[in-house]
Amino acid sequence: MSSAFLEIVELPDGRIVLRRSEEDAALVTLTFSSEARGFLKARYIDIAKEMFHAGLLAAGHLAEEEAGNDIDNNDSTGHTLH
């Protein structure tokens, strides 16, 4: 992924997207149901921000793991998936 700034934008149709600031194409799209929006009220955008943040952190951890795996390809340790 490039080093461009990322932005969170609510589109006119209600979708919330994460995209590079200089591009219109979405990297990730969130859609809350009307029931979820009703429950969350105006806080739905804060929840979307936290969801994007958690996803970016997880992607960073995965990238670090992949970099470590590239260095030590002889590691025969299994991975537990939950």
Protein backbone atom coordinates (compact mmCIF):
# COMPACT_ATOMS: atom_id res chain seq x y z
CA MET A 1 0.00 0.00 0.00
CA SER A 2 1.29 3.45 -0.80
CA SER A 3 2.25 5.94 1.89
CA ALA A 4 -0.59 8.29 0.88
CA PHE A 5 -2.90 9.57 3.58
CA LEU A 6 -6.06 7.58 4.17
CA GLU A 7 -9.45 9.14 4.78
CA ILE A 8 -12.79 7.91 6.02
CA VAL A 9 -15.70 9.23 3.99
CA GLU A 10 -19.44 8.74 4.29
CA LEU A 11 -20.90 8.49 0.80
CA PRO A 12 -24.31 9.90 -0.15
CA ASP A 13 -25.77 6.37 -0.18
CA GLY A 14 -24.78 5.87 3.48
CA ARG A 15 -21.78 3.60 2.91
CA ILE A 16 -18.65 4.50 4.84
CA VAL A 17 -15.40 3.96 2.97
CA LEU A 18 -11.70 4.01 3.69
CA ARG A 19 -9.75 5.33 0.73
CA ARG A 20 -6.52 7.04 -0.22
CA SER A 21 -7.00 10.79 0.01
CA GLU A 22 -6.09 11.37 -3.65
CA GLU A 23 -8.33 8.58 -5.02
CA ASP A 24 -12.05 7.91 -5.24
CA ALA A 25 -11.76 4.11 -5.18
CA ALA A 26 -12.59 2.55 -1.80
CA LEU A 27 -10.09 0.25 -0.13
CA VAL A 28 -12.68 -0.94 2.41
CA THR A 29 -16.43 -0.34 2.58
CA LEU A 30 -18.66 -0.55 5.65
CA THR A 31 -22.43 -0.65 5.50
CA PHE A 32 -24.54 -0.52 8.66
CA SER A 33 -28.07 -1.85 8.54
CA SER A 34 -30.87 0.55 9.44
CA GLU A 35 -31.33 -1.44 12.65
CA ALA A 36 -27.64 -0.98 13.57
CA ARG A 37 -27.77 2.74 12.74
CA GLY A 38 -30.88 3.10 14.85
CA PHE A 39 -29.14 1.44 17.77
CA LEU A 40 -25.88 3.38 17.38
CA LYS A 41 -27.55 6.71 16.55
CA ALA A 42 -24.93 9.37 15.70
CA ARG A 43 -22.13 7.19 17.10
CA TYR A 44 -22.09 4.91 14.03
CA ILE A 45 -19.27 6.96 12.49
CA ASP A 46 -17.16 6.52 15.64
CA ILE A 47 -17.76 2.77 15.45
CA ALA A 48 -16.74 2.80 11.77
CA LYS A 49 -13.51 4.63 12.67
CA GLU A 50 -12.71 2.04 15.34
CA MET A 51 -13.45 -0.81 12.92
CA PHE A 52 -11.12 0.66 10.29
CA HIS A 53 -8.47 1.27 12.95
CA ALA A 54 -8.67 -2.33 14.16
CA GLY A 55 -8.44 -3.60 10.60
CA LEU A 56 -5.36 -1.50 9.86
CA LEU A 57 -3.68 -2.71 13.04
CA ALA A 58 -4.45 -6.32 12.16
CA ALA A 59 -3.11 -5.81 8.63
CA GLY A 60 0.08 -4.35 10.10
CA HIS A 61 0.53 -7.32 12.40
CA LEU A 62 -0.03 -9.71 9.50
CA ALA A 63 2.55 -7.86 7.42
CA GLU A 64 5.05 -8.11 10.28
CA GLU A 65 4.36 -11.84 10.59
CA GLU A 66 4.81 -12.32 6.86
CA ALA A 67 8.12 -10.46 6.98
CA GLY A 68 9.22 -12.74 9.82
CA ASN A 69 8.11 -15.81 7.89
CA ASP A 70 10.11 -14.70 4.86
CA ILE A 71 13.21 -14.60 7.04
CA ASP A 72 12.61 -17.98 8.69
CA ASN A 73 10.95 -20.23 6.12
CA ASN A 74 12.19 -23.34 7.95
CA ASP A 75 9.90 -22.75 10.95
CA SER A 76 7.64 -25.81 11.17
CA THR A 77 5.48 -24.40 13.98
CA GLY A 78 1.76 -24.60 13.24
CA HIS A 79 -0.62 -21.71 13.57
CA THR A 80 -3.89 -21.85 15.47
CA LEU A 81 -6.88 -20.20 13.80
CA HIS A 82 -9.82 -19.13 15.92
